[in-house]
Amino acid sequence: MHRHPMPNPVPAGSQNLVELRQMTGVIYVLYALTPLTAGISAVVALIINRSQRLQARGTAFESHLTWQTQMFWSGLACLTLGYLTVWWHYLGLAVFSGGLAWFVYRLIKGISYLNLGKPVPLQAPGHFS
């Protein structure tokens, strides 16, 4: 009878990494649903994001959680600025459109890096990417 070698045991902590990857993906999906839920899914995403920070420390997913948090607060700032400027000859529309394009760009970039299993390269504060 031919014996097959036993598979290697799962490395310690790898289950945690699988769960972190899944939760990071769920957060991106919640952000993608934001326009359809009037922002409620973004608030839920932020809460989940904050609950995962400690577990993600020192992993590739830490950068994703930072990226997502930046997306939330910057998106909220664009939304607020758009509402404040909506009465000035299409300025609000331009702010909303630019903010939406920027949000979609960040969403696609984050999901792309997650699918590659890589951290999102973060910029220094004050840079927009």
N, C-alpha and C. Protein backbone atom coordinates (compact mmCIF):
# COMPACT_ATOMS: atom_id res chain seq x y z
N MET A 1 0.84 -1.17 0.00
CA MET A 1 0.00 0.00 0.00
C MET A 1 0.89 1.24 0.00
N HIS A 2 0.60 2.14 -0.91
CA HIS A 2 1.39 3.36 -1.05
C HIS A 2 0.83 4.43 -0.12
N ARG A 3 1.70 5.00 0.67
CA ARG A 3 1.27 6.03 1.61
C ARG A 3 1.57 7.41 1.03
N HIS A 4 0.59 8.28 1.10
CA HIS A 4 0.78 9.66 0.66
C HIS A 4 1.33 10.46 1.82
N PRO A 5 2.26 11.34 1.53
CA PRO A 5 2.76 12.18 2.62
C PRO A 5 1.65 13.07 3.17
N MET A 6 1.70 13.30 4.45
CA MET A 6 0.70 14.17 5.08
C MET A 6 0.98 15.61 4.67
N PRO A 7 -0.06 16.35 4.42
CA PRO A 7 0.16 17.76 4.08
C PRO A 7 0.77 18.51 5.26
N ASN A 8 1.46 19.58 4.92
CA ASN A 8 2.05 20.40 5.98
C ASN A 8 0.94 20.98 6.84
N PRO A 9 1.17 21.06 8.15
CA PRO A 9 0.15 21.68 8.99
C PRO A 9 0.02 23.16 8.64
N VAL A 10 -1.12 23.69 8.91
CA VAL A 10 -1.37 25.11 8.64
C VAL A 10 -0.48 25.93 9.56
N PRO A 11 0.29 26.85 9.00
CA PRO A 11 1.17 27.66 9.84
C PRO A 11 0.37 28.45 10.89
N ALA A 12 0.99 28.64 12.03
CA ALA A 12 0.34 29.39 13.11
C ALA A 12 -0.03 30.79 12.62
N GLY A 13 -1.22 31.20 12.92
CA GLY A 13 -1.67 32.54 12.55
C GLY A 13 -2.22 32.67 11.15
N SER A 14 -2.11 31.63 10.31
CA SER A 14 -2.57 31.78 8.93
C SER A 14 -4.09 31.88 8.85
N GLN A 15 -4.80 31.23 9.78
CA GLN A 15 -6.25 31.35 9.80
C GLN A 15 -6.65 32.80 10.06
N ASN A 16 -5.90 33.45 10.95
CA ASN A 16 -6.15 34.87 11.22
C ASN A 16 -5.95 35.70 9.96
N LEU A 17 -4.92 35.39 9.16
CA LEU A 17 -4.66 36.13 7.93
C LEU A 17 -5.77 35.92 6.91
N VAL A 18 -6.29 34.69 6.84
CA VAL A 18 -7.39 34.40 5.92
C VAL A 18 -8.62 35.22 6.32
N GLU A 19 -8.91 35.25 7.61
CA GLU A 19 -10.05 36.02 8.09
C GLU A 19 -9.85 37.53 7.85
N LEU A 20 -8.63 38.01 8.07
CA LEU A 20 -8.35 39.42 7.82
C LEU A 20 -8.55 39.78 6.35
N ARG A 21 -8.09 38.90 5.48
CA ARG A 21 -8.26 39.14 4.04
C ARG A 21 -9.74 39.19 3.68
N GLN A 22 -10.50 38.25 4.23
CA GLN A 22 -11.93 38.21 3.95
C GLN A 22 -12.63 39.47 4.47
N MET A 23 -12.32 39.87 5.70
CA MET A 23 -12.95 41.05 6.27
C MET A 23 -12.55 42.32 5.51
N THR A 24 -11.30 42.37 5.07
CA THR A 24 -10.86 43.52 4.27
C THR A 24 -11.65 43.59 2.97
N GLY A 25 -11.89 42.44 2.36
CA GLY A 25 -12.71 42.39 1.14
C GLY A 25 -14.15 42.80 1.41
N VAL A 26 -14.70 42.36 2.53
CA VAL A 26 -16.06 42.75 2.90
C VAL A 26 -16.15 44.27 3.07
N ILE A 27 -15.13 44.85 3.67
CA ILE A 27 -15.12 46.30 3.87
C ILE A 27 -15.12 47.02 2.52
N TYR A 28 -14.30 46.53 1.57
CA TYR A 28 -14.30 47.15 0.23
C TYR A 28 -15.69 47.04 -0.42
N VAL A 29 -16.34 45.89 -0.27
CA VAL A 29 -17.68 45.72 -0.84
C VAL A 29 -18.66 46.70 -0.20
N LEU A 30 -18.57 46.86 1.11
CA LEU A 30 -19.45 47.82 1.79
C LEU A 30 -19.22 49.24 1.27
N TYR A 31 -17.96 49.59 1.03
CA TYR A 31 -17.69 50.91 0.46
C TYR A 31 -18.26 51.02 -0.95
N ALA A 32 -18.19 49.95 -1.72
CA ALA A 32 -18.74 49.97 -3.08
C ALA A 32 -20.25 50.18 -3.06
N LEU A 33 -20.90 49.72 -2.00
CA LEU A 33 -22.35 49.86 -1.88
C LEU A 33 -22.78 51.22 -1.32
N THR A 34 -21.84 52.03 -0.93
CA THR A 34 -22.13 53.31 -0.28
C THR A 34 -23.14 54.18 -1.04
N PRO A 35 -22.99 54.39 -2.35
CA PRO A 35 -23.98 55.25 -3.04
C PRO A 35 -25.39 54.67 -3.02
N LEU A 36 -25.51 53.35 -2.93
CA LEU A 36 -26.83 52.71 -2.94
C LEU A 36 -27.49 52.69 -1.56
N THR A 37 -26.69 52.93 -0.51
CA THR A 37 -27.22 52.84 0.86
C THR A 37 -27.22 54.19 1.58
N ALA A 38 -27.05 55.25 0.83
CA ALA A 38 -27.00 56.61 1.39
C ALA A 38 -25.94 56.73 2.48
N GLY A 39 -24.85 56.03 2.30
CA GLY A 39 -23.72 56.15 3.22
C GLY A 39 -23.75 55.22 4.42
N ILE A 40 -24.85 54.52 4.63
CA ILE A 40 -24.95 53.64 5.80
C ILE A 40 -23.90 52.53 5.73
N SER A 41 -23.70 51.95 4.56
CA SER A 41 -22.71 50.88 4.45
C SER A 41 -21.29 51.39 4.71
N ALA A 42 -21.03 52.66 4.42
CA ALA A 42 -19.71 53.23 4.70
C ALA A 42 -19.48 53.34 6.21
N VAL A 43 -20.51 53.70 6.95
CA VAL A 43 -20.39 53.79 8.40
C VAL A 43 -20.16 52.38 8.98
N VAL A 44 -20.91 51.40 8.48
CA VAL A 44 -20.72 50.01 8.92
C VAL A 44 -19.30 49.55 8.58
N ALA A 45 -18.83 49.90 7.39
CA ALA A 45 -17.47 49.53 6.98
C ALA A 45 -16.42 50.14 7.91
N LEU A 46 -16.63 51.40 8.29
CA LEU A 46 -15.69 52.06 9.19
C LEU A 46 -15.66 51.37 10.55
N ILE A 47 -16.81 50.97 11.05
CA ILE A 47 -16.88 50.28 12.35
C ILE A 47 -16.15 48.94 12.27
N ILE A 48 -16.40 48.18 11.21
CA ILE A 48 -15.71 46.89 11.05
C ILE A 48 -14.22 47.13 10.91
N ASN A 49 -13.85 48.13 10.12
CA ASN A 49 -12.45 48.48 9.91
C ASN A 49 -11.76 48.72 11.24
N ARG A 50 -12.36 49.56 12.07
CA ARG A 50 -11.74 49.90 13.36
C ARG A 50 -11.63 48.67 14.26
N SER A 51 -12.57 47.74 14.16
CA SER A 51 -12.52 46.54 15.00
C SER A 51 -11.41 45.57 14.57
N GLN A 52 -10.92 45.72 13.35
CA GLN A 52 -9.89 44.81 12.81
C GLN A 52 -8.47 45.36 12.95
N ARG A 53 -8.32 46.60 13.36
CA ARG A 53 -7.00 47.27 13.36
C ARG A 53 -5.96 46.52 14.18
N LEU A 54 -6.32 46.09 15.37
CA LEU A 54 -5.35 45.45 16.25
C LEU A 54 -4.86 44.14 15.65
N GLN A 55 -5.77 43.35 15.10
CA GLN A 55 -5.40 42.07 14.50
C GLN A 55 -4.54 42.25 13.25
N ALA A 56 -4.74 43.35 12.56
CA ALA A 56 -4.03 43.57 11.29
C ALA A 56 -2.65 44.17 11.48
N ARG A 57 -2.33 44.63 12.66
CA ARG A 57 -1.05 45.30 12.89
C ARG A 57 0.12 44.40 12.46
N GLY A 58 0.98 44.96 11.62
CA GLY A 58 2.15 44.25 11.15
C GLY A 58 1.91 43.34 9.95
N THR A 59 0.69 43.34 9.41
CA THR A 59 0.40 42.53 8.23
C THR A 59 0.16 43.45 7.03
N ALA A 60 0.07 42.84 5.86
CA ALA A 60 -0.22 43.60 4.64
C ALA A 60 -1.59 44.26 4.72
N PHE A 61 -2.47 43.71 5.55
CA PHE A 61 -3.83 44.23 5.62
C PHE A 61 -3.92 45.51 6.45
N GLU A 62 -2.91 45.80 7.22
CA GLU A 62 -2.89 47.05 7.98
C GLU A 62 -2.95 48.25 7.04
N SER A 63 -2.20 48.18 5.94
CA SER A 63 -2.21 49.29 4.98
C SER A 63 -3.59 49.42 4.32
N HIS A 64 -4.26 48.31 4.09
CA HIS A 64 -5.60 48.37 3.49
C HIS A 64 -6.58 49.05 4.44
N LEU A 65 -6.49 48.73 5.72
CA LEU A 65 -7.39 49.33 6.69
C LEU A 65 -7.13 50.84 6.80
N THR A 66 -5.86 51.23 6.74
CA THR A 66 -5.52 52.65 6.75
C THR A 66 -6.07 53.32 5.49
N TRP A 67 -5.87 52.68 4.35
CA TRP A 67 -6.36 53.17 3.06
C TRP A 67 -7.87 53.38 3.11
N GLN A 68 -8.58 52.40 3.67
CA GLN A 68 -10.04 52.48 3.74
C GLN A 68 -10.50 53.59 4.68
N THR A 69 -9.81 53.75 5.80
CA THR A 69 -10.16 54.81 6.73
C THR A 69 -9.96 56.18 6.08
N GLN A 70 -8.85 56.34 5.35
CA GLN A 70 -8.60 57.58 4.63
C GLN A 70 -9.69 57.82 3.59
N MET A 71 -10.14 56.74 2.94
CA MET A 71 -11.22 56.86 1.96
C MET A 71 -12.49 57.40 2.61
N PHE A 72 -12.81 56.87 3.77
CA PHE A 72 -14.03 57.29 4.46
C PHE A 72 -13.99 58.78 4.80
N TRP A 73 -12.94 59.20 5.50
CA TRP A 73 -12.89 60.59 5.97
C TRP A 73 -12.73 61.58 4.83
N SER A 74 -11.94 61.23 3.83
CA SER A 74 -11.78 62.12 2.68
C SER A 74 -13.07 62.18 1.86
N GLY A 75 -13.74 61.05 1.72
CA GLY A 75 -15.02 61.02 1.01
C GLY A 75 -16.07 61.86 1.72
N LEU A 76 -16.08 61.77 3.05
CA LEU A 76 -17.02 62.58 3.82
C LEU A 76 -16.71 64.07 3.66
N ALA A 77 -15.43 64.41 3.62
CA ALA A 77 -15.03 65.81 3.41
C ALA A 77 -15.48 66.30 2.03
N CYS A 78 -15.30 65.47 0.99
CA CYS A 78 -15.75 65.86 -0.36
C CYS A 78 -17.27 66.02 -0.41
N LEU A 79 -17.97 65.11 0.24
CA LEU A 79 -19.43 65.19 0.26
C LEU A 79 -19.89 66.47 0.95
N THR A 80 -19.28 66.77 2.07
CA THR A 80 -19.63 67.99 2.81
C THR A 80 -19.32 69.23 1.99
N LEU A 81 -18.13 69.27 1.39
CA LEU A 81 -17.75 70.41 0.56
C LEU A 81 -18.70 70.56 -0.64
N GLY A 82 -19.09 69.44 -1.21
CA GLY A 82 -20.03 69.48 -2.33
C GLY A 82 -21.37 70.07 -1.93
N TYR A 83 -21.88 69.67 -0.76
CA TYR A 83 -23.14 70.23 -0.28
C TYR A 83 -23.02 71.73 0.00
N LEU A 84 -21.89 72.12 0.54
CA LEU A 84 -21.70 73.54 0.88
C LEU A 84 -21.55 74.42 -0.36
N THR A 85 -21.11 73.84 -1.47
CA THR A 85 -20.86 74.63 -2.68
C THR A 85 -21.88 74.39 -3.78
N VAL A 86 -22.92 73.60 -3.50
CA VAL A 86 -23.87 73.23 -4.54
C VAL A 86 -24.62 74.43 -5.11
N TRP A 87 -24.73 75.50 -4.39
CA TRP A 87 -25.48 76.67 -4.86
C TRP A 87 -24.67 77.60 -5.74
N TRP A 88 -23.35 77.37 -5.90
CA TRP A 88 -22.50 78.28 -6.67
C TRP A 88 -22.20 77.74 -8.07
N HIS A 89 -23.13 77.91 -8.96
CA HIS A 89 -22.94 77.63 -10.39
C HIS A 89 -22.14 76.37 -10.70
N TYR A 90 -22.67 75.28 -10.39
CA TYR A 90 -22.11 73.98 -10.73
C TYR A 90 -20.83 73.62 -9.99
N LEU A 91 -20.37 74.47 -9.09
CA LEU A 91 -19.17 74.14 -8.33
C LEU A 91 -19.41 72.88 -7.49
N GLY A 92 -20.56 72.81 -6.87
CA GLY A 92 -20.91 71.62 -6.06
C GLY A 92 -20.93 70.37 -6.90
N LEU A 93 -21.48 70.47 -8.12
CA LEU A 93 -21.52 69.32 -9.02
C LEU A 93 -20.11 68.87 -9.39
N ALA A 94 -19.23 69.83 -9.63
CA ALA A 94 -17.84 69.50 -9.94
C ALA A 94 -17.16 68.82 -8.75
N VAL A 95 -17.44 69.31 -7.55
CA VAL A 95 -16.85 68.71 -6.35
C VAL A 95 -17.38 67.29 -6.16
N PHE A 96 -18.70 67.11 -6.31
CA PHE A 96 -19.29 65.77 -6.20
C PHE A 96 -18.70 64.82 -7.24
N SER A 97 -18.62 65.26 -8.48
CA SER A 97 -18.09 64.42 -9.56
C SER A 97 -16.63 64.04 -9.34
N GLY A 98 -15.83 65.05 -8.97
CA GLY A 98 -14.43 64.77 -8.68
C GLY A 98 -14.26 63.84 -7.50
N GLY A 99 -15.07 64.05 -6.46
CA GLY A 99 -15.01 63.19 -5.28
C GLY A 99 -15.41 61.76 -5.60
N LEU A 100 -16.43 61.60 -6.43
CA LEU A 100 -16.88 60.26 -6.82
C LEU A 100 -15.81 59.55 -7.65
N ALA A 101 -15.21 60.27 -8.59
CA ALA A 101 -14.15 59.67 -9.42
C ALA A 101 -12.97 59.25 -8.55
N TRP A 102 -12.60 60.10 -7.62
CA TRP A 102 -11.50 59.80 -6.71
C TRP A 102 -11.83 58.59 -5.83
N PHE A 103 -13.08 58.51 -5.34
CA PHE A 103 -13.53 57.39 -4.51
C PHE A 103 -13.46 56.08 -5.29
N VAL A 104 -13.95 56.09 -6.52
CA VAL A 104 -13.93 54.88 -7.36
C VAL A 104 -12.48 54.47 -7.65
N TYR A 105 -11.63 55.43 -7.95
CA TYR A 105 -10.21 55.13 -8.17
C TYR A 105 -9.60 54.44 -6.96
N ARG A 106 -9.82 54.99 -5.77
CA ARG A 106 -9.25 54.41 -4.55
C ARG A 106 -9.83 53.03 -4.26
N LEU A 107 -11.10 52.86 -4.55
CA LEU A 107 -11.74 51.56 -4.35
C LEU A 107 -11.12 50.51 -5.27
N ILE A 108 -10.97 50.84 -6.54
CA ILE A 108 -10.38 49.90 -7.51
C ILE A 108 -8.92 49.60 -7.16
N LYS A 109 -8.17 50.63 -6.80
CA LYS A 109 -6.76 50.43 -6.45
C LYS A 109 -6.64 49.53 -5.22
N GLY A 110 -7.45 49.78 -4.20
CA GLY A 110 -7.40 48.96 -2.99
C GLY A 110 -7.76 47.51 -3.26
N ILE A 111 -8.84 47.29 -4.01
CA ILE A 111 -9.26 45.92 -4.33
C ILE A 111 -8.21 45.22 -5.17
N SER A 112 -7.59 45.94 -6.09
CA SER A 112 -6.55 45.34 -6.93
C SER A 112 -5.37 44.86 -6.10
N TYR A 113 -4.92 45.69 -5.17
CA TYR A 113 -3.81 45.28 -4.30
C TYR A 113 -4.23 44.14 -3.38
N LEU A 114 -5.46 44.14 -2.91
CA LEU A 114 -5.94 43.04 -2.07
C LEU A 114 -5.94 41.74 -2.85
N ASN A 115 -6.40 41.77 -4.10
CA ASN A 115 -6.41 40.57 -4.93
C ASN A 115 -5.01 40.04 -5.21
N LEU A 116 -4.03 40.94 -5.24
CA LEU A 116 -2.64 40.53 -5.43
C LEU A 116 -2.00 40.07 -4.12
N GLY A 117 -2.69 40.30 -3.01
CA GLY A 117 -2.15 39.94 -1.70
C GLY A 117 -1.05 40.87 -1.24
N LYS A 118 -1.07 42.10 -1.76
CA LYS A 118 -0.03 43.07 -1.43
C LYS A 118 -0.60 44.21 -0.61
N PRO A 119 0.25 44.87 0.18
CA PRO A 119 -0.22 46.07 0.90
C PRO A 119 -0.41 47.22 -0.08
N VAL A 120 -1.31 48.12 0.26
CA VAL A 120 -1.50 49.32 -0.54
C VAL A 120 -0.37 50.28 -0.21
N PRO A 121 0.35 50.78 -1.22
CA PRO A 121 1.41 51.75 -0.92
C PRO A 121 0.78 53.07 -0.46
N LEU A 122 1.07 53.44 0.75
CA LEU A 122 0.49 54.64 1.33
C LEU A 122 1.40 55.83 1.09
N GLN A 123 0.79 56.97 0.84
CA GLN A 123 1.52 58.22 0.62
C GLN A 123 1.66 58.96 1.95
N ALA A 124 2.56 59.88 1.97
CA ALA A 124 2.71 60.74 3.14
C ALA A 124 1.44 61.58 3.29
N PRO A 125 1.10 61.97 4.52
CA PRO A 125 -0.08 62.81 4.71
C PRO A 125 -0.02 64.07 3.85
N GLY A 126 -1.16 64.46 3.29
CA GLY A 126 -1.22 65.63 2.45
C GLY A 126 -1.15 65.31 0.97
N HIS A 127 -0.78 64.08 0.61
CA HIS A 127 -0.76 63.66 -0.79
C HIS A 127 -2.07 62.99 -1.11
N PHE A 128 -2.56 63.23 -2.30
CA PHE A 128 -3.82 62.63 -2.71
C PHE A 128 -3.56 61.50 -3.68
N SER A 129 -3.95 60.31 -3.27
CA SER A 129 -3.83 59.16 -4.18
C SER A 129 -4.87 58.14 -3.86
